[in-house]
């Protein structure tokens, strides 16, 4: 989960630098499930609020591996692009 923690740290740093809020949403979700495990690929759409009249959007492709153990739990996450 280091990759997710790194992304969160980067977003928080950018929020502090720019004084703009960020929103992260998902798109193009793909799920492959095999009994008690699943792989999810999705786009993380990272949008920054307006700074000086301009807003920005970064799209990153991510993969999450999950297992079902009394509820679905994320085991690994990695940035694909």
N, C-alpha and C. Protein backbone atom coordinates (compact mmCIF):
# COMPACT_ATOMS: atom_id res chain seq x y z
N UNK A 1 0.81 -1.19 0.00
CA UNK A 1 0.00 0.00 0.00
C UNK A 1 0.86 1.27 0.00
N UNK A 2 2.17 1.08 -0.14
CA UNK A 2 3.07 2.24 -0.17
C UNK A 2 2.72 3.19 -1.30
N UNK A 3 2.29 2.64 -2.45
CA UNK A 3 1.98 3.49 -3.59
C UNK A 3 0.80 4.40 -3.29
N UNK A 4 -0.22 3.90 -2.60
CA UNK A 4 -1.37 4.71 -2.24
C UNK A 4 -0.97 5.78 -1.22
N UNK A 5 -0.18 5.38 -0.24
CA UNK A 5 0.29 6.35 0.75
C UNK A 5 1.12 7.45 0.11
N UNK A 6 1.95 7.09 -0.88
CA UNK A 6 2.76 8.07 -1.60
C UNK A 6 1.87 9.03 -2.38
N UNK A 7 0.84 8.50 -3.06
CA UNK A 7 -0.08 9.36 -3.79
C UNK A 7 -0.80 10.31 -2.84
N UNK A 8 -1.27 9.82 -1.72
CA UNK A 8 -1.95 10.66 -0.74
C UNK A 8 -1.03 11.76 -0.22
N UNK A 9 0.23 11.41 0.05
CA UNK A 9 1.21 12.40 0.51
C UNK A 9 1.40 13.49 -0.55
N UNK A 10 1.52 13.08 -1.83
CA UNK A 10 1.70 14.04 -2.91
C UNK A 10 0.51 14.99 -3.02
N UNK A 11 -0.70 14.44 -2.89
CA UNK A 11 -1.90 15.27 -2.98
C UNK A 11 -1.94 16.27 -1.83
N UNK A 12 -1.64 15.80 -0.62
CA UNK A 12 -1.64 16.71 0.54
C UNK A 12 -0.60 17.81 0.38
N UNK A 13 0.58 17.47 -0.15
CA UNK A 13 1.61 18.48 -0.38
C UNK A 13 1.14 19.53 -1.38
N UNK A 14 0.52 19.06 -2.47
CA UNK A 14 0.03 19.99 -3.50
C UNK A 14 -1.09 20.87 -2.95
N UNK A 15 -1.96 20.29 -2.11
CA UNK A 15 -3.01 21.10 -1.49
C UNK A 15 -2.40 22.21 -0.64
N UNK A 16 -1.38 21.87 0.12
CA UNK A 16 -0.72 22.87 0.98
C UNK A 16 -0.03 23.95 0.14
N UNK A 17 0.59 23.55 -0.97
CA UNK A 17 1.31 24.50 -1.82
C UNK A 17 0.37 25.43 -2.56
N UNK A 18 -0.72 24.89 -3.07
CA UNK A 18 -1.60 25.65 -3.96
C UNK A 18 -2.83 26.23 -3.27
N UNK A 19 -3.11 25.74 -2.07
CA UNK A 19 -4.32 26.15 -1.33
C UNK A 19 -5.59 25.75 -2.08
N UNK A 20 -5.47 24.77 -2.96
CA UNK A 20 -6.63 24.26 -3.72
C UNK A 20 -7.00 22.88 -3.20
N UNK A 21 -8.28 22.60 -3.19
CA UNK A 21 -8.72 21.26 -2.80
C UNK A 21 -8.62 20.29 -3.97
N UNK A 22 -8.43 19.04 -3.66
CA UNK A 22 -8.35 18.00 -4.68
C UNK A 22 -9.49 17.01 -4.49
N UNK A 23 -9.96 16.46 -5.60
CA UNK A 23 -10.99 15.43 -5.59
C UNK A 23 -10.49 14.24 -6.40
N UNK A 24 -10.65 13.04 -5.86
CA UNK A 24 -10.25 11.83 -6.58
C UNK A 24 -11.50 11.01 -6.84
N UNK A 25 -11.74 10.70 -8.12
CA UNK A 25 -12.87 9.87 -8.51
C UNK A 25 -12.37 8.70 -9.36
N UNK A 26 -13.22 7.72 -9.57
CA UNK A 26 -12.87 6.54 -10.37
C UNK A 26 -13.61 6.56 -11.70
N UNK A 27 -12.99 5.98 -12.73
CA UNK A 27 -13.66 5.77 -14.01
C UNK A 27 -13.04 4.56 -14.69
N UNK A 28 -13.72 4.05 -15.70
CA UNK A 28 -13.25 2.90 -16.48
C UNK A 28 -12.84 1.74 -15.58
N UNK A 29 -13.75 1.34 -14.71
CA UNK A 29 -13.51 0.29 -13.73
C UNK A 29 -13.66 -1.08 -14.39
N UNK A 30 -12.69 -1.95 -14.15
CA UNK A 30 -12.71 -3.32 -14.66
C UNK A 30 -12.46 -4.25 -13.49
N UNK A 31 -13.34 -5.24 -13.28
CA UNK A 31 -13.23 -6.16 -12.16
C UNK A 31 -13.15 -7.58 -12.68
N UNK A 32 -12.15 -8.33 -12.21
CA UNK A 32 -12.04 -9.77 -12.50
C UNK A 32 -12.03 -10.47 -11.16
N UNK A 33 -13.08 -11.28 -10.92
CA UNK A 33 -13.20 -11.97 -9.64
C UNK A 33 -13.04 -13.46 -9.83
N UNK A 34 -12.30 -14.09 -8.92
CA UNK A 34 -12.10 -15.54 -8.92
C UNK A 34 -12.31 -16.03 -7.49
N UNK A 35 -13.52 -16.48 -7.21
CA UNK A 35 -13.90 -16.93 -5.87
C UNK A 35 -13.63 -15.85 -4.82
N UNK A 36 -12.62 -16.04 -3.98
CA UNK A 36 -12.40 -15.10 -2.88
C UNK A 36 -11.29 -14.08 -3.16
N UNK A 37 -10.95 -13.89 -4.41
CA UNK A 37 -9.97 -12.87 -4.77
C UNK A 37 -10.48 -12.10 -5.98
N UNK A 38 -9.98 -10.88 -6.12
CA UNK A 38 -10.40 -10.05 -7.24
C UNK A 38 -9.27 -9.10 -7.61
N UNK A 39 -9.25 -8.73 -8.88
CA UNK A 39 -8.34 -7.70 -9.38
C UNK A 39 -9.19 -6.61 -9.99
N UNK A 40 -8.92 -5.39 -9.59
CA UNK A 40 -9.64 -4.23 -10.11
C UNK A 40 -8.64 -3.31 -10.79
N UNK A 41 -8.95 -2.93 -12.03
CA UNK A 41 -8.19 -1.89 -12.71
C UNK A 41 -9.13 -0.72 -12.90
N UNK A 42 -8.63 0.46 -12.63
CA UNK A 42 -9.46 1.66 -12.74
C UNK A 42 -8.60 2.89 -12.99
N UNK A 43 -9.22 3.92 -13.49
CA UNK A 43 -8.57 5.22 -13.59
C UNK A 43 -8.86 5.99 -12.31
N UNK A 44 -7.84 6.60 -11.75
CA UNK A 44 -8.03 7.57 -10.68
C UNK A 44 -7.96 8.94 -11.34
N UNK A 45 -9.06 9.67 -11.27
CA UNK A 45 -9.15 11.01 -11.85
C UNK A 45 -8.89 11.99 -10.71
N UNK A 46 -7.75 12.64 -10.76
CA UNK A 46 -7.32 13.54 -9.68
C UNK A 46 -7.49 14.97 -10.17
N UNK A 47 -8.52 15.62 -9.62
CA UNK A 47 -8.87 16.97 -10.05
C UNK A 47 -8.48 17.97 -8.98
N UNK A 48 -7.82 19.04 -9.42
CA UNK A 48 -7.46 20.14 -8.52
C UNK A 48 -8.46 21.26 -8.72
N UNK A 49 -8.84 21.88 -7.61
CA UNK A 49 -9.72 23.04 -7.70
C UNK A 49 -9.02 24.19 -8.41
N UNK A 50 -9.78 25.21 -8.67
CA UNK A 50 -9.24 26.35 -9.41
C UNK A 50 -8.17 27.10 -8.63
N UNK A 51 -7.07 27.36 -9.33
CA UNK A 51 -5.99 28.20 -8.79
C UNK A 51 -5.70 29.23 -9.86
N UNK A 52 -5.95 30.48 -9.57
CA UNK A 52 -5.72 31.53 -10.56
C UNK A 52 -6.63 31.40 -11.76
N UNK A 53 -7.83 30.84 -11.57
CA UNK A 53 -8.79 30.71 -12.66
C UNK A 53 -8.65 29.44 -13.48
N UNK A 54 -7.67 28.60 -13.16
CA UNK A 54 -7.47 27.38 -13.94
C UNK A 54 -7.61 26.15 -13.04
N UNK A 55 -8.18 25.10 -13.58
CA UNK A 55 -8.26 23.84 -12.86
C UNK A 55 -7.46 22.80 -13.64
N UNK A 56 -7.15 21.70 -12.99
CA UNK A 56 -6.38 20.67 -13.68
C UNK A 56 -6.92 19.29 -13.35
N UNK A 57 -6.65 18.35 -14.24
CA UNK A 57 -7.08 16.97 -14.06
C UNK A 57 -5.94 16.05 -14.48
N UNK A 58 -5.56 15.14 -13.60
CA UNK A 58 -4.57 14.10 -13.93
C UNK A 58 -5.29 12.76 -13.85
N UNK A 59 -5.03 11.90 -14.83
CA UNK A 59 -5.65 10.58 -14.85
C UNK A 59 -4.55 9.55 -14.75
N UNK A 60 -4.66 8.68 -13.75
CA UNK A 60 -3.68 7.61 -13.53
C UNK A 60 -4.41 6.27 -13.55
N UNK A 61 -3.80 5.29 -14.20
CA UNK A 61 -4.36 3.93 -14.22
C UNK A 61 -3.76 3.16 -13.06
N UNK A 62 -4.62 2.51 -12.25
CA UNK A 62 -4.20 1.76 -11.07
C UNK A 62 -4.78 0.36 -11.09
N UNK A 63 -4.07 -0.54 -10.39
CA UNK A 63 -4.54 -1.91 -10.19
C UNK A 63 -4.58 -2.20 -8.69
N UNK A 64 -5.71 -2.77 -8.26
CA UNK A 64 -5.89 -3.15 -6.87
C UNK A 64 -6.19 -4.64 -6.81
N UNK A 65 -5.51 -5.35 -5.91
CA UNK A 65 -5.79 -6.77 -5.69
C UNK A 65 -6.46 -6.90 -4.33
N UNK A 66 -7.58 -7.63 -4.31
CA UNK A 66 -8.38 -7.77 -3.11
C UNK A 66 -8.59 -9.23 -2.76
N UNK A 67 -8.86 -9.50 -1.49
CA UNK A 67 -9.28 -10.82 -1.03
C UNK A 67 -10.53 -10.64 -0.18
N UNK A 68 -11.37 -11.66 -0.21
CA UNK A 68 -12.58 -11.65 0.61
C UNK A 68 -12.27 -12.38 1.90
N UNK A 69 -12.29 -11.65 3.00
CA UNK A 69 -12.02 -12.21 4.31
C UNK A 69 -12.88 -11.44 5.30
N UNK A 70 -14.14 -11.91 5.45
CA UNK A 70 -15.10 -11.20 6.28
C UNK A 70 -15.29 -9.78 5.75
N UNK A 71 -15.42 -9.67 4.45
CA UNK A 71 -15.51 -8.40 3.72
C UNK A 71 -14.31 -8.29 2.79
N UNK A 72 -14.45 -7.51 1.74
CA UNK A 72 -13.37 -7.36 0.77
C UNK A 72 -12.28 -6.44 1.32
N UNK A 73 -11.04 -6.88 1.17
CA UNK A 73 -9.88 -6.13 1.69
C UNK A 73 -8.84 -5.96 0.58
N UNK A 74 -8.31 -4.74 0.48
CA UNK A 74 -7.26 -4.47 -0.51
C UNK A 74 -5.94 -4.98 0.02
N UNK A 75 -5.27 -5.83 -0.78
CA UNK A 75 -3.97 -6.39 -0.40
C UNK A 75 -2.82 -5.61 -1.02
N UNK A 76 -2.97 -5.30 -2.30
CA UNK A 76 -1.92 -4.54 -2.99
C UNK A 76 -2.56 -3.50 -3.90
N UNK A 77 -1.81 -2.45 -4.14
CA UNK A 77 -2.22 -1.40 -5.06
C UNK A 77 -0.98 -0.91 -5.78
N UNK A 78 -1.11 -0.75 -7.09
CA UNK A 78 0.04 -0.21 -7.83
C UNK A 78 -0.42 0.65 -8.98
N UNK A 79 0.35 1.68 -9.24
CA UNK A 79 0.09 2.57 -10.35
C UNK A 79 0.58 1.91 -11.63
N UNK A 80 -0.28 1.84 -12.63
CA UNK A 80 0.09 1.23 -13.91
C UNK A 80 0.59 2.28 -14.90
N UNK A 81 0.01 3.46 -14.88
CA UNK A 81 0.45 4.53 -15.79
C UNK A 81 0.14 5.88 -15.19
